[in-house]
Amino acid sequence: MNENRQIPPALEKFFWDADFVQLKFPDHENYVLGKLMLYGDIASVNWILRTFDHGTVSRYLETKGKYALDRKSYLFWEKVLRMGDLWR
């Protein structure tokens, strides 16, 4: 992942409980992933695929996903991780 990457302003609506300007990488990586994987829309999915590598998302899902995501979101991201051609 590119640590200088900024979260697009269009995704700010998913961070209603945080100071959006203060979200920085890599410090808030898990928080950002969790919010977008749980509440995000198709633009969020596309941004995650472009911004994070497969391993980062996979590690998040394995370590925090079962507790942080609802069942529907967890199963969705489990399937996305199996689609290797999305990560190129």
PDB file of N, CA and C in Angstrom:
ATOM      1  N   MET A   1       0.823  -1.178   0.000  1.00  0.00           N
ATOM      2  CA  MET A   1       0.000   0.000   0.000  1.00  0.00           C
ATOM      3  C   MET A   1       0.865   1.239   0.000  1.00  0.00           C
ATOM      4  N   ASN A   2       0.428   2.250  -0.698  1.00  0.00           N
ATOM      5  CA  ASN A   2       1.123   3.520  -0.743  1.00  0.00           C
ATOM      6  C   ASN A   2       0.764   4.316   0.515  1.00  0.00           C
ATOM      7  N   GLU A   3       1.728   4.556   1.392  1.00  0.00           N
ATOM      8  CA  GLU A   3       1.455   5.210   2.675  1.00  0.00           C
ATOM      9  C   GLU A   3       1.113   6.682   2.535  1.00  0.00           C
ATOM     10  N   ASN A   4       1.402   7.282   1.403  1.00  0.00           N
ATOM     11  CA  ASN A   4       1.066   8.682   1.173  1.00  0.00           C
ATOM     12  C   ASN A   4      -0.331   8.844   0.593  1.00  0.00           C
ATOM     13  N   ARG A   5      -1.010   7.770   0.389  1.00  0.00           N
ATOM     14  CA  ARG A   5      -2.342   7.784  -0.211  1.00  0.00           C
ATOM     15  C   ARG A   5      -3.333   8.460   0.711  1.00  0.00           C
ATOM     16  N   GLN A   6      -4.169   9.278   0.149  1.00  0.00           N
ATOM     17  CA  GLN A   6      -5.222   9.954   0.900  1.00  0.00           C
ATOM     18  C   GLN A   6      -6.562   9.294   0.604  1.00  0.00           C
ATOM     19  N   ILE A   7      -7.439   9.320   1.559  1.00  0.00           N
ATOM     20  CA  ILE A   7      -8.782   8.797   1.353  1.00  0.00           C
ATOM     21  C   ILE A   7      -9.535   9.828   0.516  1.00  0.00           C
ATOM     22  N   PRO A   8     -10.162   9.398  -0.566  1.00  0.00           N
ATOM     23  CA  PRO A   8     -10.891  10.356  -1.409  1.00  0.00           C
ATOM     24  C   PRO A   8     -12.001  11.063  -0.625  1.00  0.00           C
ATOM     25  N   PRO A   9     -12.186  12.349  -0.869  1.00  0.00           N
ATOM     26  CA  PRO A   9     -13.239  13.101  -0.178  1.00  0.00           C
ATOM     27  C   PRO A   9     -14.626  12.470  -0.327  1.00  0.00           C
ATOM     28  N   ALA A  10     -14.877  11.791  -1.424  1.00  0.00           N
ATOM     29  CA  ALA A  10     -16.187  11.152  -1.645  1.00  0.00           C
ATOM     30  C   ALA A  10     -16.472  10.059  -0.610  1.00  0.00           C
ATOM     31  N   LEU A  11     -15.428   9.540   0.033  1.00  0.00           N
ATOM     32  CA  LEU A  11     -15.613   8.481   1.032  1.00  0.00           C
ATOM     33  C   LEU A  11     -15.705   9.021   2.457  1.00  0.00           C
ATOM     34  N   GLU A  12     -15.626  10.325   2.605  1.00  0.00           N
ATOM     35  CA  GLU A  12     -15.673  10.939   3.939  1.00  0.00           C
ATOM     36  C   GLU A  12     -16.956  10.587   4.692  1.00  0.00           C
ATOM     37  N   LYS A  13     -18.042  10.388   3.983  1.00  0.00           N
ATOM     38  CA  LYS A  13     -19.336  10.102   4.624  1.00  0.00           C
ATOM     39  C   LYS A  13     -19.308   8.834   5.481  1.00  0.00           C
ATOM     40  N   PHE A  14     -18.362   7.938   5.235  1.00  0.00           N
ATOM     41  CA  PHE A  14     -18.272   6.696   6.002  1.00  0.00           C
ATOM     42  C   PHE A  14     -17.512   6.861   7.318  1.00  0.00           C
ATOM     43  N   PHE A  15     -16.969   8.035   7.538  1.00  0.00           N
ATOM     44  CA  PHE A  15     -16.167   8.292   8.733  1.00  0.00           C
ATOM     45  C   PHE A  15     -16.817   9.371   9.594  1.00  0.00           C
ATOM     46  N   TRP A  16     -18.104   9.222   9.836  1.00  0.00           N
ATOM     47  CA  TRP A  16     -18.890  10.197  10.586  1.00  0.00           C
ATOM     48  C   TRP A  16     -18.439  10.328  12.044  1.00  0.00           C
ATOM     49  N   ASP A  17     -17.751   9.312  12.541  1.00  0.00           N
ATOM     50  CA  ASP A  17     -17.356   9.323  13.951  1.00  0.00           C
ATOM     51  C   ASP A  17     -15.889   9.689  14.163  1.00  0.00           C
ATOM     52  N   ALA A  18     -15.250  10.210  13.124  1.00  0.00           N
ATOM     53  CA  ALA A  18     -13.825  10.535  13.228  1.00  0.00           C
ATOM     54  C   ALA A  18     -13.549  11.881  12.566  1.00  0.00           C
ATOM     55  N   ASP A  19     -12.412  12.443  12.898  1.00  0.00           N
ATOM     56  CA  ASP A  19     -11.952  13.659  12.225  1.00  0.00           C
ATOM     57  C   ASP A  19     -11.285  13.205  10.933  1.00  0.00           C
ATOM     58  N   PHE A  20     -11.991  13.323   9.843  1.00  0.00           N
ATOM     59  CA  PHE A  20     -11.554  12.797   8.550  1.00  0.00           C
ATOM     60  C   PHE A  20     -10.162  13.295   8.160  1.00  0.00           C
ATOM     61  N   VAL A  21      -9.878  14.546   8.425  1.00  0.00           N
ATOM     62  CA  VAL A  21      -8.591  15.153   8.055  1.00  0.00           C
ATOM     63  C   VAL A  21      -7.434  14.487   8.798  1.00  0.00           C
ATOM     64  N   GLN A  22      -7.689  13.954   9.968  1.00  0.00           N
ATOM     65  CA  GLN A  22      -6.640  13.356  10.795  1.00  0.00           C
ATOM     66  C   GLN A  22      -6.327  11.900  10.432  1.00  0.00           C
ATOM     67  N   LEU A  23      -7.137  11.272   9.578  1.00  0.00           N
ATOM     68  CA  LEU A  23      -6.900   9.868   9.220  1.00  0.00           C
ATOM     69  C   LEU A  23      -5.675   9.758   8.326  1.00  0.00           C
ATOM     70  N   LYS A  24      -4.677   9.064   8.791  1.00  0.00           N
ATOM     71  CA  LYS A  24      -3.403   8.922   8.078  1.00  0.00           C
ATOM     72  C   LYS A  24      -2.999   7.454   8.015  1.00  0.00           C
ATOM     73  N   PHE A  25      -2.209   7.139   6.995  1.00  0.00           N
ATOM     74  CA  PHE A  25      -1.660   5.795   6.851  1.00  0.00           C
ATOM     75  C   PHE A  25      -0.207   5.818   7.273  1.00  0.00           C
ATOM     76  N   PRO A  26       0.288   4.787   7.865  1.00  0.00           N
ATOM     77  CA  PRO A  26      -0.364   3.511   8.167  1.00  0.00           C
ATOM     78  C   PRO A  26      -1.073   3.486   9.517  1.00  0.00           C
ATOM     79  N   ASP A  27      -1.050   4.595  10.248  1.00  0.00           N
ATOM     80  CA  ASP A  27      -1.605   4.623  11.610  1.00  0.00           C
ATOM     81  C   ASP A  27      -3.061   4.169  11.708  1.00  0.00           C
ATOM     82  N   HIS A  28      -3.877   4.543  10.767  1.00  0.00           N
ATOM     83  CA  HIS A  28      -5.307   4.270  10.841  1.00  0.00           C
ATOM     84  C   HIS A  28      -5.775   3.251   9.795  1.00  0.00           C
ATOM     85  N   GLU A  29      -4.853   2.467   9.301  1.00  0.00           N
ATOM     86  CA  GLU A  29      -5.158   1.516   8.241  1.00  0.00           C
ATOM     87  C   GLU A  29      -6.299   0.556   8.616  1.00  0.00           C
ATOM     88  N   ASN A  30      -6.240  -0.058   9.777  1.00  0.00           N
ATOM     89  CA  ASN A  30      -7.283  -1.007  10.177  1.00  0.00           C
ATOM     90  C   ASN A  30      -8.629  -0.321  10.369  1.00  0.00           C
ATOM     91  N   TYR A  31      -8.611   0.875  10.917  1.00  0.00           N
ATOM     92  CA  TYR A  31      -9.853   1.620  11.109  1.00  0.00           C
ATOM     93  C   TYR A  31     -10.502   1.920   9.753  1.00  0.00           C
ATOM     94  N   VAL A  32      -9.702   2.409   8.821  1.00  0.00           N
ATOM     95  CA  VAL A  32     -10.210   2.757   7.484  1.00  0.00           C
ATOM     96  C   VAL A  32     -10.740   1.516   6.782  1.00  0.00           C
ATOM     97  N   LEU A  33      -9.969   0.447   6.794  1.00  0.00           N
ATOM     98  CA  LEU A  33     -10.436  -0.800   6.169  1.00  0.00           C
ATOM     99  C   LEU A  33     -11.739  -1.280   6.789  1.00  0.00           C
ATOM    100  N   GLY A  34     -11.797  -1.296   8.091  1.00  0.00           N
ATOM    101  CA  GLY A  34     -12.999  -1.775   8.770  1.00  0.00           C
ATOM    102  C   GLY A  34     -14.233  -0.981   8.406  1.00  0.00           C
ATOM    103  N   LYS A  35     -14.123   0.326   8.441  1.00  0.00           N
ATOM    104  CA  LYS A  35     -15.264   1.181   8.102  1.00  0.00           C
ATOM    105  C   LYS A  35     -15.725   0.946   6.670  1.00  0.00           C
ATOM    106  N   LEU A  36     -14.768   0.938   5.743  1.00  0.00           N
ATOM    107  CA  LEU A  36     -15.141   0.803   4.341  1.00  0.00           C
ATOM    108  C   LEU A  36     -15.616  -0.601   3.995  1.00  0.00           C
ATOM    109  N   MET A  37     -15.036  -1.605   4.624  1.00  0.00           N
ATOM    110  CA  MET A  37     -15.474  -2.980   4.352  1.00  0.00           C
ATOM    111  C   MET A  37     -16.865  -3.241   4.922  1.00  0.00           C
ATOM    112  N   LEU A  38     -17.233  -2.547   5.983  1.00  0.00           N
ATOM    113  CA  LEU A  38     -18.536  -2.742   6.595  1.00  0.00           C
ATOM    114  C   LEU A  38     -19.611  -1.844   5.992  1.00  0.00           C
ATOM    115  N   TYR A  39     -19.305  -0.570   5.803  1.00  0.00           N
ATOM    116  CA  TYR A  39     -20.325   0.392   5.390  1.00  0.00           C
ATOM    117  C   TYR A  39     -20.176   0.887   3.954  1.00  0.00           C
ATOM    118  N   GLY A  40     -19.049   0.601   3.320  1.00  0.00           N
ATOM    119  CA  GLY A  40     -18.738   1.198   2.033  1.00  0.00           C
ATOM    120  C   GLY A  40     -19.658   0.803   0.892  1.00  0.00           C
ATOM    121  N   ASP A  41     -19.523   1.557  -0.184  1.00  0.00           N
ATOM    122  CA  ASP A  41     -20.273   1.317  -1.409  1.00  0.00           C
ATOM    123  C   ASP A  41     -19.308   0.812  -2.487  1.00  0.00           C
ATOM    124  N   ILE A  42     -19.757   0.774  -3.726  1.00  0.00           N
ATOM    125  CA  ILE A  42     -18.908   0.249  -4.812  1.00  0.00           C
ATOM    126  C   ILE A  42     -17.661   1.113  -5.003  1.00  0.00           C
ATOM    127  N   ALA A  43     -17.776   2.422  -4.793  1.00  0.00           N
ATOM    128  CA  ALA A  43     -16.594   3.284  -4.891  1.00  0.00           C
ATOM    129  C   ALA A  43     -15.572   2.911  -3.817  1.00  0.00           C
ATOM    130  N   SER A  44     -16.054   2.531  -2.657  1.00  0.00           N
ATOM    131  CA  SER A  44     -15.161   2.106  -1.570  1.00  0.00           C
ATOM    132  C   SER A  44     -14.449   0.808  -1.931  1.00  0.00           C
ATOM    133  N   VAL A  45     -15.193  -0.127  -2.491  1.00  0.00           N
ATOM    134  CA  VAL A  45     -14.610  -1.402  -2.907  1.00  0.00           C
ATOM    135  C   VAL A  45     -13.511  -1.149  -3.930  1.00  0.00           C
ATOM    136  N   ASN A  46     -13.806  -0.325  -4.932  1.00  0.00           N
ATOM    137  CA  ASN A  46     -12.807  -0.021  -5.962  1.00  0.00           C
ATOM    138  C   ASN A  46     -11.577   0.644  -5.369  1.00  0.00           C
ATOM    139  N   TRP A  47     -11.777   1.565  -4.428  1.00  0.00           N
ATOM    140  CA  TRP A  47     -10.642   2.249  -3.809  1.00  0.00           C
ATOM    141  C   TRP A  47      -9.797   1.266  -2.998  1.00  0.00           C
ATOM    142  N   ILE A  48     -10.444   0.364  -2.267  1.00  0.00           N
ATOM    143  CA  ILE A  48      -9.710  -0.647  -1.504  1.00  0.00           C
ATOM    144  C   ILE A  48      -8.869  -1.508  -2.448  1.00  0.00           C
ATOM    145  N   LEU A  49      -9.456  -1.938  -3.553  1.00  0.00           N
ATOM    146  CA  LEU A  49      -8.737  -2.783  -4.506  1.00  0.00           C
ATOM    147  C   LEU A  49      -7.540  -2.068  -5.116  1.00  0.00           C
ATOM    148  N   ARG A  50      -7.648  -0.759  -5.330  1.00  0.00           N
ATOM    149  CA  ARG A  50      -6.546   0.012  -5.908  1.00  0.00           C
ATOM    150  C   ARG A  50      -5.495   0.406  -4.874  1.00  0.00           C
ATOM    151  N   THR A  51      -5.895   0.515  -3.615  1.00  0.00           N
ATOM    152  CA  THR A  51      -5.027   1.088  -2.585  1.00  0.00           C
ATOM    153  C   THR A  51      -4.299   0.054  -1.750  1.00  0.00           C
ATOM    154  N   PHE A  52      -4.973  -1.020  -1.411  1.00  0.00           N
ATOM    155  CA  PHE A  52      -4.401  -2.035  -0.524  1.00  0.00           C
ATOM    156  C   PHE A  52      -4.059  -3.284  -1.312  1.00  0.00           C
ATOM    157  N   ASP A  53      -2.993  -3.942  -0.908  1.00  0.00           N
ATOM    158  CA  ASP A  53      -2.662  -5.203  -1.566  1.00  0.00           C
ATOM    159  C   ASP A  53      -3.503  -6.336  -0.965  1.00  0.00           C
ATOM    160  N   HIS A  54      -3.523  -7.427  -1.662  1.00  0.00           N
ATOM    161  CA  HIS A  54      -4.322  -8.594  -1.275  1.00  0.00           C
ATOM    162  C   HIS A  54      -3.972  -9.058   0.135  1.00  0.00           C
ATOM    163  N   GLY A  55      -2.691  -9.080   0.454  1.00  0.00           N
ATOM    164  CA  GLY A  55      -2.243  -9.549   1.771  1.00  0.00           C
ATOM    165  C   GLY A  55      -2.751  -8.690   2.913  1.00  0.00           C
ATOM    166  N   THR A  56      -2.773  -7.392   2.733  1.00  0.00           N
ATOM    167  CA  THR A  56      -3.245  -6.485   3.776  1.00  0.00           C
ATOM    168  C   THR A  56      -4.716  -6.720   4.079  1.00  0.00           C
ATOM    169  N   VAL A  57      -5.515  -6.828   3.032  1.00  0.00           N
ATOM    170  CA  VAL A  57      -6.951  -7.047   3.221  1.00  0.00           C
ATOM    171  C   VAL A  57      -7.195  -8.437   3.799  1.00  0.00           C
ATOM    172  N   SER A  58      -6.450  -9.408   3.337  1.00  0.00           N
ATOM    173  CA  SER A  58      -6.578 -10.770   3.841  1.00  0.00           C
ATOM    174  C   SER A  58      -6.239 -10.844   5.326  1.00  0.00           C
ATOM    175  N   ARG A  59      -5.154 -10.190   5.730  1.00  0.00           N
ATOM    176  CA  ARG A  59      -4.761 -10.165   7.151  1.00  0.00           C
ATOM    177  C   ARG A  59      -5.826  -9.487   8.007  1.00  0.00           C
ATOM    178  N   TYR A  60      -6.389  -8.395   7.498  1.00  0.00           N
ATOM    179  CA  TYR A  60      -7.444  -7.719   8.247  1.00  0.00           C
ATOM    180  C   TYR A  60      -8.635  -8.657   8.438  1.00  0.00           C
ATOM    181  N   LEU A  61      -9.026  -9.319   7.368  1.00  0.00           N
ATOM    182  CA  LEU A  61     -10.180 -10.213   7.442  1.00  0.00           C
ATOM    183  C   LEU A  61      -9.917 -11.354   8.423  1.00  0.00           C
ATOM    184  N   GLU A  62      -8.716 -11.907   8.404  1.00  0.00           N
ATOM    185  CA  GLU A  62      -8.371 -13.019   9.294  1.00  0.00           C
ATOM    186  C   GLU A  62      -8.278 -12.592  10.762  1.00  0.00           C
ATOM    187  N   THR A  63      -7.728 -11.421  11.011  1.00  0.00           N
ATOM    188  CA  THR A  63      -7.483 -11.023  12.398  1.00  0.00           C
ATOM    189  C   THR A  63      -8.618 -10.235  13.038  1.00  0.00           C
ATOM    190  N   LYS A  64      -9.309  -9.428  12.256  1.00  0.00           N
ATOM    191  CA  LYS A  64     -10.335  -8.560  12.825  1.00  0.00           C
ATOM    192  C   LYS A  64     -11.712  -8.745  12.190  1.00  0.00           C
ATOM    193  N   GLY A  65     -11.746  -9.260  10.997  1.00  0.00           N
ATOM    194  CA  GLY A  65     -12.977  -9.333  10.220  1.00  0.00           C
ATOM    195  C   GLY A  65     -14.144 -10.029  10.885  1.00  0.00           C
ATOM    196  N   LYS A  66     -13.893 -11.162  11.508  1.00  0.00           N
ATOM    197  CA  LYS A  66     -14.994 -11.910  12.127  1.00  0.00           C
ATOM    198  C   LYS A  66     -15.632 -11.150  13.281  1.00  0.00           C
ATOM    199  N   TYR A  67     -14.885 -10.234  13.878  1.00  0.00           N
ATOM    200  CA  TYR A  67     -15.396  -9.476  15.013  1.00  0.00           C
ATOM    201  C   TYR A  67     -15.900  -8.091  14.610  1.00  0.00           C
ATOM    202  N   ALA A  68     -15.272  -7.507  13.601  1.00  0.00           N
ATOM    203  CA  ALA A  68     -15.589  -6.133  13.226  1.00  0.00           C
ATOM    204  C   ALA A  68     -16.658  -6.024  12.137  1.00  0.00           C
ATOM    205  N   LEU A  69     -16.787  -7.063  11.329  1.00  0.00           N
ATOM    206  CA  LEU A  69     -17.729  -7.014  10.205  1.00  0.00           C
ATOM    207  C   LEU A  69     -18.967  -7.843  10.508  1.00  0.00           C
ATOM    208  N   ASP A  70     -20.072  -7.453   9.902  1.00  0.00           N
ATOM    209  CA  ASP A  70     -21.255  -8.308  10.008  1.00  0.00           C
ATOM    210  C   ASP A  70     -21.068  -9.498   9.062  1.00  0.00           C
ATOM    211  N   ARG A  71     -21.909 -10.479   9.196  1.00  0.00           N
ATOM    212  CA  ARG A  71     -21.767 -11.723   8.421  1.00  0.00           C
ATOM    213  C   ARG A  71     -21.783 -11.473   6.912  1.00  0.00           C
ATOM    214  N   LYS A  72     -22.693 -10.640   6.466  1.00  0.00           N
ATOM    215  CA  LYS A  72     -22.817 -10.354   5.038  1.00  0.00           C
ATOM    216  C   LYS A  72     -21.534  -9.716   4.491  1.00  0.00           C
ATOM    217  N   SER A  73     -21.006  -8.742   5.193  1.00  0.00           N
ATOM    218  CA  SER A  73     -19.777  -8.070   4.756  1.00  0.00           C
ATOM    219  C   SER A  73     -18.590  -9.019   4.792  1.00  0.00           C
ATOM    220  N   TYR A  74     -18.502  -9.809   5.846  1.00  0.00           N
ATOM    221  CA  TYR A  74     -17.403 -10.772   5.957  1.00  0.00           C
ATOM    222  C   TYR A  74     -17.419 -11.752   4.784  1.00  0.00           C
ATOM    223  N   LEU A  75     -18.575 -12.308   4.481  1.00  0.00           N
ATOM    224  CA  LEU A  75     -18.680 -13.265   3.380  1.00  0.00           C
ATOM    225  C   LEU A  75     -18.396 -12.615   2.031  1.00  0.00           C
ATOM    226  N   PHE A  76     -18.842 -11.369   1.863  1.00  0.00           N
ATOM    227  CA  PHE A  76     -18.556 -10.641   0.625  1.00  0.00           C
ATOM    228  C   PHE A  76     -17.048 -10.505   0.436  1.00  0.00           C
ATOM    229  N   TRP A  77     -16.344 -10.028   1.457  1.00  0.00           N
ATOM    230  CA  TRP A  77     -14.899  -9.822   1.331  1.00  0.00           C
ATOM    231  C   TRP A  77     -14.135 -11.133   1.230  1.00  0.00           C
ATOM    232  N   GLU A  78     -14.656 -12.165   1.814  1.00  0.00           N
ATOM    233  CA  GLU A  78     -14.048 -13.483   1.654  1.00  0.00           C
ATOM    234  C   GLU A  78     -14.071 -13.885   0.180  1.00  0.00           C
ATOM    235  N   LYS A  79     -15.190 -13.631  -0.481  1.00  0.00           N
ATOM    236  CA  LYS A  79     -15.306 -13.945  -1.915  1.00  0.00           C
ATOM    237  C   LYS A  79     -14.418 -13.035  -2.763  1.00  0.00           C
ATOM    238  N   VAL A  80     -14.371 -11.759  -2.439  1.00  0.00           N
ATOM    239  CA  VAL A  80     -13.530 -10.825  -3.182  1.00  0.00           C
ATOM    240  C   VAL A  80     -12.069 -11.256  -3.110  1.00  0.00           C
ATOM    241  N   LEU A  81     -11.629 -11.711  -1.951  1.00  0.00           N
ATOM    242  CA  LEU A  81     -10.240 -12.148  -1.798  1.00  0.00           C
ATOM    243  C   LEU A  81      -9.922 -13.362  -2.668  1.00  0.00           C
ATOM    244  N   ARG A  82     -10.924 -14.168  -2.963  1.00  0.00           N
ATOM    245  CA  ARG A  82     -10.705 -15.336  -3.814  1.00  0.00           C
ATOM    246  C   ARG A  82     -10.652 -14.982  -5.300  1.00  0.00           C
ATOM    247  N   MET A  83     -11.047 -13.773  -5.656  1.00  0.00           N
ATOM    248  CA  MET A  83     -11.056 -13.339  -7.052  1.00  0.00           C
ATOM    249  C   MET A  83      -9.719 -12.678  -7.377  1.00  0.00           C
ATOM    250  N   GLY A  84      -8.739 -13.486  -7.689  1.00  0.00           N
ATOM    251  CA  GLY A  84      -7.380 -13.006  -7.910  1.00  0.00           C
ATOM    252  C   GLY A  84      -7.243 -11.948  -8.986  1.00  0.00           C
ATOM    253  N   ASP A  85      -8.067 -12.010 -10.030  1.00  0.00           N
ATOM    254  CA  ASP A  85      -7.922 -11.048 -11.123  1.00  0.00           C
ATOM    255  C   ASP A  85      -8.339  -9.633 -10.711  1.00  0.00           C
ATOM    256  N   LEU A  86      -9.055  -9.465  -9.626  1.00  0.00           N
ATOM    257  CA  LEU A  86      -9.425  -8.134  -9.148  1.00  0.00           C
ATOM    258  C   LEU A  86      -8.236  -7.394  -8.555  1.00  0.00           C
ATOM    259  N   TRP A  87      -7.233  -8.115  -8.122  1.00  0.00           N
ATOM    260  CA  TRP A  87      -6.106  -7.534  -7.388  1.00  0.00           C
ATOM    261  C   TRP A  87      -4.918  -7.180  -8.257  1.00  0.00           C
ATOM    262  N   ARG A  88      -5.088  -7.144  -9.546  1.00  0.00           N
ATOM    263  CA  ARG A  88      -3.959  -6.806 -10.440  1.00  0.00           C
ATOM    264  C   ARG A  88      -4.035  -5.394 -10.919  1.00  0.00           C
TER     265      ARG A  88
END
